Protein backbone atom coordinates (compact mmCIF):
# COMPACT_ATOMS: atom_id res chain seq x y z
CA UNK A 1 -0.01 0.00 0.00
CA UNK A 2 1.24 3.49 -0.77
CA UNK A 3 -0.09 4.90 2.55
CA UNK A 4 2.25 2.58 4.50
CA UNK A 5 5.25 4.09 2.79
CA UNK A 6 4.17 7.59 3.86
CA UNK A 7 4.59 6.66 7.52
CA UNK A 8 8.13 5.45 6.93
CA UNK A 9 9.32 8.87 5.74
CA UNK A 10 10.65 10.95 8.67
CA UNK A 11 7.36 12.78 9.23
CA UNK A 12 5.87 13.46 12.67
CA UNK A 13 2.79 11.32 12.13
CA UNK A 14 1.20 8.33 13.77
CA UNK A 15 -0.87 5.80 11.87
CA UNK A 16 -4.35 4.70 12.87
CA UNK A 17 -4.87 1.23 11.42
CA UNK A 18 -8.39 -0.09 10.91
CA UNK A 19 -8.02 -3.86 11.33
CA UNK A 20 -10.52 -6.43 10.07
CA UNK A 21 -11.28 -9.64 11.97
CA UNK A 22 -8.30 -9.68 14.33
CA UNK A 23 -8.66 -9.73 18.10
CA UNK A 24 -6.85 -7.22 20.28
CA UNK A 25 -4.99 -10.13 21.91
CA UNK A 26 -3.51 -11.21 18.56
CA UNK A 27 -2.41 -7.67 17.79
CA UNK A 28 -0.82 -7.09 21.21
CA UNK A 29 1.12 -10.35 20.96
CA UNK A 30 3.03 -8.93 18.01
CA UNK A 31 3.31 -5.21 18.86
CA UNK A 32 4.76 -3.93 22.16
CA UNK A 33 2.44 -1.80 24.35
CA UNK A 34 4.75 1.25 24.07
CA UNK A 35 4.54 1.07 20.25
CA UNK A 36 0.76 1.14 19.94
CA UNK A 37 -2.55 1.86 21.65
CA UNK A 38 -6.09 0.71 20.89
CA UNK A 39 -8.42 3.54 19.89
CA UNK A 40 -11.51 1.41 19.26
CA UNK A 41 -12.29 -2.30 18.91
CA UNK A 42 -10.90 -2.39 15.39
CA UNK A 43 -8.50 0.58 15.42
CA UNK A 44 -4.85 0.53 16.51
CA UNK A 45 -2.56 3.57 16.71
CA UNK A 46 1.09 2.73 16.00
CA UNK A 47 3.95 5.07 16.94
CA UNK A 48 7.04 3.68 15.26
CA UNK A 49 8.35 2.22 12.02
CA UNK A 50 9.07 -1.03 13.88
CA UNK A 51 5.42 -1.31 14.97
CA UNK A 52 4.28 -0.44 11.46
CA UNK A 53 6.43 -3.21 10.02
CA UNK A 54 4.84 -5.73 12.45
CA UNK A 55 1.37 -4.42 11.68
CA UNK A 56 1.79 -4.95 7.95
CA UNK A 57 1.09 -8.66 8.45
CA UNK A 58 -2.39 -7.82 9.83
CA UNK A 59 -5.46 -7.53 7.61
CA UNK A 60 -5.44 -3.72 7.40
CA UNK A 61 -8.58 -2.22 5.86
CA UNK A 62 -7.49 1.39 6.04
CA UNK A 63 -4.59 3.57 7.26
CA UNK A 64 -5.27 7.03 8.61
CA UNK A 65 -2.22 9.25 9.18
CA UNK A 66 -2.61 11.64 12.10
CA UNK A 67 -0.23 14.43 13.21
CA UNK A 68 1.46 13.65 16.52
CA UNK A 69 0.56 16.07 19.35
CA UNK A 70 3.09 18.67 20.45
CA UNK A 71 4.33 18.43 24.05
CA UNK A 72 4.90 21.94 25.40
CA UNK A 73 8.39 23.23 26.26
CA UNK A 74 9.47 23.21 29.93
CA UNK A 75 11.30 26.03 31.70
CA UNK A 76 14.82 24.96 32.80
CA UNK A 77 16.20 28.37 33.82
CA UNK A 78 14.48 31.66 34.42
CA UNK A 79 15.46 35.22 35.18
CA UNK A 80 12.98 37.28 37.15
CA UNK A 81 12.19 40.72 35.76
CA UNK A 82 13.44 43.72 37.76
CA UNK A 83 10.90 46.17 39.11
CA UNK A 84 11.85 49.52 37.47
CA UNK A 85 12.62 52.23 40.11
CA UNK A 86 10.73 54.83 38.09
CA UNK A 87 7.48 52.91 38.42
CA UNK A 88 5.28 53.58 41.48
CA UNK A 89 2.44 51.13 40.83
CA UNK A 90 2.53 47.51 39.80
CA UNK A 91 0.94 45.93 36.78
CA UNK A 92 0.32 42.72 34.93
CA UNK A 93 1.06 41.66 31.38
CA UNK A 94 1.22 38.55 29.27
CA UNK A 95 4.36 37.81 27.23
CA UNK A 96 4.84 35.12 24.62
CA UNK A 97 8.26 33.65 23.84
CA UNK A 98 9.22 31.76 20.70
CA UNK A 99 11.26 28.80 21.99
CA UNK A 100 13.59 27.32 19.35
CA UNK A 101 14.11 23.61 18.79
CA UNK A 102 17.35 23.95 20.80
CA UNK A 103 15.50 25.48 23.82
CA UNK A 104 16.71 29.07 23.38
CA UNK A 105 14.33 32.01 23.25
CA UNK A 106 14.38 33.37 19.68
CA UNK A 107 11.81 36.14 20.10
CA UNK A 108 9.71 37.69 22.85
CA UNK A 109 6.52 39.66 22.26
CA UNK A 110 4.08 41.43 24.58
CA UNK A 111 0.71 39.73 24.04
CA UNK A 112 -1.16 41.88 26.57
CA UNK A 113 0.52 45.06 27.89
CA UNK A 114 0.57 46.26 31.47
CA UNK A 115 0.05 49.78 30.17
CA UNK A 116 3.52 50.77 31.40
CA UNK A 117 6.36 50.54 28.87
CA UNK A 118 9.02 50.16 31.62
CA UNK A 119 7.29 47.11 33.10
CA UNK A 120 6.78 45.60 29.65
CA UNK A 121 10.44 46.12 28.66
CA UNK A 122 11.66 44.62 31.97
CA UNK A 123 9.56 41.48 31.47
CA UNK A 124 10.65 41.09 27.82
CA UNK A 125 14.32 41.53 28.78
CA UNK A 126 14.14 38.91 31.57
CA UNK A 127 12.20 36.29 29.59
CA UNK A 128 14.55 36.60 26.63
CA UNK A 129 17.23 35.09 28.91
CA UNK A 130 15.21 32.02 29.89
CA UNK A 131 16.24 28.49 28.84
CA UNK A 132 13.85 25.67 28.00
CA UNK A 133 13.74 22.03 27.11
CA UNK A 134 12.15 22.43 23.68
CA UNK A 135 8.66 21.36 22.68
CA UNK A 136 8.50 17.87 21.20
CA UNK A 137 6.45 16.29 18.45
CA UNK A 138 7.20 12.60 18.90
CA UNK A 139 10.97 12.33 19.30
CA UNK A 140 11.67 15.52 17.33
CA UNK A 141 12.36 18.86 19.03
CA UNK A 142 10.28 21.66 17.45
CA UNK A 143 10.00 25.42 17.85
CA UNK A 144 6.87 26.64 19.65
CA UNK A 145 5.37 29.61 21.46
CA UNK A 146 5.28 29.66 25.27
CA UNK A 147 3.01 32.11 27.13
CA UNK A 148 4.15 33.72 30.38
CA UNK A 149 1.89 35.82 32.63
CA UNK A 150 3.91 38.43 34.55
CA UNK A 151 2.69 40.38 37.59
CA UNK A 152 4.59 43.29 39.18
CA UNK A 153 3.41 44.12 42.70
CA UNK A 154 4.34 46.85 45.15
CA UNK A 155 4.58 46.07 48.84
């Protein structure tokens, strides 16, 4: 089948296989639990080329290719923003950071301003120094946006 070959290209997809007349027990004997999950009584989701190769022996009625979900980046190191001396009142803003596939911050943008440019610039400057474990789609690291709410408070 041509669709089977699509999965074997290095593309972040999983395959949903619609199986005819095969029990879940027979499928799970051949494919390891970490390589597949059952989505319905006759549907199996496979996650690797190895599992796909094993599944080719099954009576597959249809293959549906589905994009793998993205797992969000995680903060490894953060710098807290400084409270500017010229500011008397606090404020809150929302910043979004573009995290590269290597975990560096490539770009920072103010999504929702505090209304005070000094607070916004302080937050952007601090977050641009953060380090992340990158987002993942399957085993591949991918760039993604990360949203950070920031609140400046006076005591």
